[in-house]
C-alpha atoms as a PDB file:
ATOM      1  CA  MET A   1     -24.263  -4.956  -6.030  1.00  0.00           C
ATOM      2  CA  VAL A   2     -22.340  -7.026  -8.255  1.00  0.00           C
ATOM      3  CA  TYR A   3     -23.981 -10.689  -9.551  1.00  0.00           C
ATOM      4  CA  ILE A   4     -21.710 -13.484 -11.094  1.00  0.00           C
ATOM      5  CA  ARG A   5     -23.487 -15.736 -12.961  1.00  0.00           C
ATOM      6  CA  ALA A   6     -23.141 -18.727 -15.317  1.00  0.00           C
ATOM      7  CA  ALA A   7     -23.444 -16.993 -19.119  1.00  0.00           C
ATOM      8  CA  THR A   8     -26.322 -18.140 -21.150  1.00  0.00           C
ATOM      9  CA  GLU A   9     -27.262 -18.558 -24.725  1.00  0.00           C
ATOM     10  CA  GLN A  10     -28.597 -15.271 -24.635  1.00  0.00           C
ATOM     11  CA  ASP A  11     -25.404 -13.682 -23.429  1.00  0.00           C
ATOM     12  CA  ASP A  12     -23.319 -14.605 -26.424  1.00  0.00           C
ATOM     13  CA  ALA A  13     -23.636 -11.549 -28.896  1.00  0.00           C
ATOM     14  CA  THR A  14     -22.992  -9.077 -25.700  1.00  0.00           C
ATOM     15  CA  ILE A  15     -19.881 -11.967 -24.797  1.00  0.00           C
ATOM     16  CA  LYS A  16     -18.097 -11.571 -28.604  1.00  0.00           C
ATOM     17  CA  LYS A  17     -18.769  -7.773 -28.567  1.00  0.00           C
ATOM     18  CA  MET A  18     -16.803  -7.292 -25.160  1.00  0.00           C
ATOM     19  CA  VAL A  19     -13.911  -9.392 -26.368  1.00  0.00           C
ATOM     20  CA  ARG A  20     -14.278  -7.598 -29.912  1.00  0.00           C
ATOM     21  CA  ASP A  21     -14.446  -4.007 -28.341  1.00  0.00           C
ATOM     22  CA  GLU A  22     -10.883  -4.892 -26.204  1.00  0.00           C
ATOM     23  CA  GLN A  23      -9.792  -6.254 -29.302  1.00  0.00           C
ATOM     24  CA  LEU A  24      -9.111  -9.675 -27.332  1.00  0.00           C
ATOM     25  CA  ASP A  25      -8.404 -13.078 -28.518  1.00  0.00           C
ATOM     26  CA  PRO A  26     -11.711 -13.793 -30.477  1.00  0.00           C
ATOM     27  CA  THR A  27     -10.753 -17.543 -30.781  1.00  0.00           C
ATOM     28  CA  SER A  28     -12.530 -20.123 -28.549  1.00  0.00           C
ATOM     29  CA  ILE A  29     -15.352 -18.012 -27.704  1.00  0.00           C
ATOM     30  CA  LYS A  30     -17.619 -20.397 -26.340  1.00  0.00           C
ATOM     31  CA  TRP A  31     -20.620 -18.389 -24.246  1.00  0.00           C
ATOM     32  CA  ARG A  32     -20.526 -21.885 -21.968  1.00  0.00           C
ATOM     33  CA  ASN A  33     -17.589 -21.255 -20.541  1.00  0.00           C
ATOM     34  CA  PHE A  34     -17.822 -18.148 -19.490  1.00  0.00           C
ATOM     35  CA  LEU A  35     -18.985 -16.167 -16.524  1.00  0.00           C
ATOM     36  CA  ALA A  36     -21.024 -13.185 -16.286  1.00  0.00           C
ATOM     37  CA  ALA A  37     -20.879  -9.918 -13.891  1.00  0.00           C
ATOM     38  CA  GLU A  38     -24.032  -8.404 -14.121  1.00  0.00           C
ATOM     39  CA  VAL A  39     -25.064  -4.826 -12.023  1.00  0.00           C
ATOM     40  CA  ASP A  40     -28.783  -4.253 -12.091  1.00  0.00           C
ATOM     41  CA  GLY A  41     -29.298  -6.480 -14.673  1.00  0.00           C
ATOM     42  CA  LYS A  42     -26.574  -5.338 -16.982  1.00  0.00           C
ATOM     43  CA  ILE A  43     -23.139  -7.613 -17.942  1.00  0.00           C
ATOM     44  CA  VAL A  44     -21.186  -4.712 -16.831  1.00  0.00           C
ATOM     45  CA  GLY A  45     -17.712  -7.804 -17.225  1.00  0.00           C
ATOM     46  CA  ILE A  46     -17.032 -11.537 -18.426  1.00  0.00           C
ATOM     47  CA  GLY A  47     -14.334 -13.839 -17.953  1.00  0.00           C
ATOM     48  CA  GLN A  48     -13.921 -17.486 -18.812  1.00  0.00           C
ATOM     49  CA  ILE A  49     -11.811 -20.957 -18.445  1.00  0.00           C
ATOM     50  CA  ARG A  50     -10.353 -22.130 -22.286  1.00  0.00           C
ATOM     51  CA  LYS A  51      -9.987 -25.950 -21.671  1.00  0.00           C
ATOM     52  CA  HIS A  52      -7.138 -26.971 -24.015  1.00  0.00           C
ATOM     53  CA  SER A  53      -5.995 -30.606 -24.671  1.00  0.00           C
ATOM     54  CA  ASP A  54      -2.860 -29.597 -22.374  1.00  0.00           C
ATOM     55  CA  CYS A  55      -3.757 -26.922 -19.850  1.00  0.00           C
ATOM     56  CA  GLU A  56      -6.621 -24.700 -18.765  1.00  0.00           C
ATOM     57  CA  GLU A  57      -6.870 -21.179 -19.521  1.00  0.00           C
ATOM     58  CA  LEU A  58      -8.091 -18.018 -18.075  1.00  0.00           C
ATOM     59  CA  GLY A  59      -8.984 -15.750 -20.733  1.00  0.00           C
ATOM     60  CA  SER A  60     -11.347 -13.552 -22.079  1.00  0.00           C
ATOM     61  CA  LEU A  61     -11.233 -11.315 -19.167  1.00  0.00           C
ATOM     62  CA  VAL A  62     -13.286  -7.843 -19.919  1.00  0.00           C
ATOM     63  CA  VAL A  63     -14.668  -5.316 -17.505  1.00  0.00           C
ATOM     64  CA  LEU A  64     -16.582  -2.270 -18.820  1.00  0.00           C
ATOM     65  CA  LYS A  65     -14.799   1.187 -18.391  1.00  0.00           C
ATOM     66  CA  GLU A  66     -16.885   2.628 -16.225  1.00  0.00           C
ATOM     67  CA  TYR A  67     -17.184  -0.567 -14.097  1.00  0.00           C
ATOM     68  CA  ARG A  68     -13.668  -0.824 -13.431  1.00  0.00           C
ATOM     69  CA  GLY A  69     -11.777  -0.493  -9.926  1.00  0.00           C
ATOM     70  CA  GLN A  70     -14.898  -1.670  -8.118  1.00  0.00           C
ATOM     71  CA  GLY A  71     -13.073  -5.609  -7.737  1.00  0.00           C
ATOM     72  CA  ILE A  72     -15.665  -6.967 -10.196  1.00  0.00           C
ATOM     73  CA  ALA A  73     -12.891  -8.520 -12.020  1.00  0.00           C
ATOM     74  CA  ALA A  74     -11.256  -9.563  -8.553  1.00  0.00           C
ATOM     75  CA  GLN A  75     -14.850 -11.738  -8.046  1.00  0.00           C
ATOM     76  CA  LEU A  76     -14.724 -12.702 -11.756  1.00  0.00           C
ATOM     77  CA  ILE A  77     -11.074 -14.329 -11.238  1.00  0.00           C
ATOM     78  CA  GLU A  78     -11.562 -15.789  -8.000  1.00  0.00           C
ATOM     79  CA  GLN A  79     -15.087 -17.571  -9.294  1.00  0.00           C
ATOM     80  CA  LEU A  80     -13.692 -18.794 -12.504  1.00  0.00           C
ATOM     81  CA  GLU A  81     -10.590 -19.916 -10.688  1.00  0.00           C
ATOM     82  CA  ALA A  82     -12.985 -21.900  -8.201  1.00  0.00           C
ATOM     83  CA  ARG A  83     -13.947 -24.008 -11.614  1.00  0.00           C
ATOM     84  CA  ALA A  84     -10.296 -24.933 -12.946  1.00  0.00           C
ATOM     85  CA  GLY A  85      -7.464 -26.753 -12.357  1.00  0.00           C
ATOM     86  CA  ARG A  86      -3.789 -26.040 -11.560  1.00  0.00           C
ATOM     87  CA  PRO A  87      -1.735 -25.507 -12.684  1.00  0.00           C
ATOM     88  CA  LEU A  88      -3.471 -22.429 -14.575  1.00  0.00           C
ATOM     89  CA  TYR A  89      -2.350 -20.268 -17.107  1.00  0.00           C
ATOM     90  CA  LEU A  90      -3.067 -16.869 -19.151  1.00  0.00           C
ATOM     91  CA  ASP A  91      -1.437 -14.835 -21.804  1.00  0.00           C
ATOM     92  CA  CYS A  92      -2.099 -10.688 -21.339  1.00  0.00           C
ATOM     93  CA  ARG A  93      -0.286  -7.593 -22.315  1.00  0.00           C
ATOM     94  CA  ASP A  94       2.602  -6.955 -20.818  1.00  0.00           C
ATOM     95  CA  ASN A  95       1.251  -3.753 -19.216  1.00  0.00           C
ATOM     96  CA  MET A  96      -1.098  -6.173 -17.401  1.00  0.00           C
ATOM     97  CA  ILE A  97       1.123  -8.372 -15.853  1.00  0.00           C
ATOM     98  CA  PRO A  98       1.446  -6.906 -12.399  1.00  0.00           C
ATOM     99  CA  TYR A  99      -2.135  -6.881 -11.680  1.00  0.00           C
ATOM    100  CA  TYR A 100      -2.251 -10.653 -12.249  1.00  0.00           C
ATOM    101  CA  GLN A 101       0.573 -11.097  -9.972  1.00  0.00           C
ATOM    102  CA  ARG A 102      -1.516  -9.567  -7.371  1.00  0.00           C
ATOM    103  CA  PHE A 103      -3.624 -12.805  -7.783  1.00  0.00           C
ATOM    104  CA  GLY A 104      -1.018 -15.180  -7.880  1.00  0.00           C
ATOM    105  CA  TYR A 105       0.181 -15.574 -11.755  1.00  0.00           C
ATOM    106  CA  GLN A 106       3.629 -16.004 -12.005  1.00  0.00           C
ATOM    107  CA  PRO A 107       5.248 -14.597 -15.623  1.00  0.00           C
ATOM    108  CA  ILE A 108       7.252 -17.619 -17.000  1.00  0.00           C
ATOM    109  CA  SER A 109       8.840 -17.860 -20.265  1.00  0.00           C
ATOM    110  CA  TYR A 110       7.351 -18.733 -23.901  1.00  0.00           C
ATOM    111  CA  TRP A 111       9.209 -21.807 -23.761  1.00  0.00           C
ATOM    112  CA  GLU A 112       7.806 -23.082 -20.129  1.00  0.00           C
ATOM    113  CA  ALA A 113       3.960 -22.760 -21.413  1.00  0.00           C
ATOM    114  CA  PRO A 114       2.035 -25.613 -22.737  1.00  0.00           C
ATOM    115  CA  ARG A 115       2.709 -26.547 -26.359  1.00  0.00           C
ATOM    116  CA  THR A 116      -1.489 -25.108 -27.042  1.00  0.00           C
ATOM    117  CA  LEU A 117      -0.515 -21.663 -25.780  1.00  0.00           C
ATOM    118  CA  GLN A 118       3.352 -21.739 -27.296  1.00  0.00           C
ATOM    119  CA  LEU A 119       1.012 -22.120 -30.613  1.00  0.00           C
ATOM    120  CA  LYS A 120      -1.531 -19.401 -29.755  1.00  0.00           C
ATOM    121  CA  LEU A 121       1.277 -16.873 -29.004  1.00  0.00           C
ATOM    122  CA  LEU A 122       3.190 -17.410 -32.563  1.00  0.00           C
ATOM    123  CA  PHE A 123       1.204 -14.252 -33.838  1.00  0.00           C
ATOM    124  CA  PRO A 124       1.622 -12.049 -30.511  1.00  0.00           C
ATOM    125  CA  LEU A 125       5.170 -12.755 -30.713  1.00  0.00           C
ATOM    126  CA  MET A 126       5.693 -11.551 -34.526  1.00  0.00           C
ATOM    127  CA  LEU A 127       3.972  -8.281 -32.936  1.00  0.00           C
ATOM    128  CA  ARG A 128       6.802  -7.399 -30.822  1.00  0.00           C
ATOM    129  CA  VAL A 129       8.278  -5.840 -33.499  1.00  0.00           C
ATOM    130  CA  PHE A 130       5.406  -2.926 -33.088  1.00  0.00           C
ATOM    131  CA  GLY A 131       6.033  -2.237 -29.555  1.00  0.00           C
ATOM    132  CA  ILE A 132       3.001  -4.670 -28.466  1.00  0.00           C
ATOM    133  CA  LYS A 133       4.244  -7.789 -26.288  1.00  0.00           C
ATOM    134  CA  VAL A 134       2.473 -10.144 -24.757  1.00  0.00           C
ATOM    135  CA  GLY A 135       3.238 -12.408 -21.558  1.00  0.00           C
ATOM    136  CA  VAL A 136       2.359 -15.816 -20.101  1.00  0.00           C
ATOM    137  CA  MET A 137       2.018 -16.579 -17.226  1.00  0.00           C
ATOM    138  CA  ARG A 138       1.053 -19.577 -14.669  1.00  0.00           C
ATOM    139  CA  LYS A 139      -1.050 -19.955 -11.076  1.00  0.00           C
ATOM    140  CA  ASP A 140       0.175 -23.358  -9.437  1.00  0.00           C
END
């Protein structure tokens, strides 16, 4: 059974490792913003809501590979969204866009994104040269 809870300070190292291992945005990793999904006392998934000056962003969503496909990310998304306002934004690799569309997120252009996210996405835009594409999405 999956138990979703607010992260604690003791989870900080685990959260940072999970974000690093998935090569996600390592900025603004504050355990207080996270929810943790546990199975048998082990953290198997995490996610956060980043509160920027001009928007809120769903981010750092990670489920350990061996626990994927069991609905854990969906449970985290549902509970994180309950803590956030609308619109809610996220950025993700292009191949993940269909996944987030299942939850009502819609792709938007770089220019439609709030200024904070535009600045954050400048570096990923440059990575397009190497075939790495990042999209930005919004849920109203």
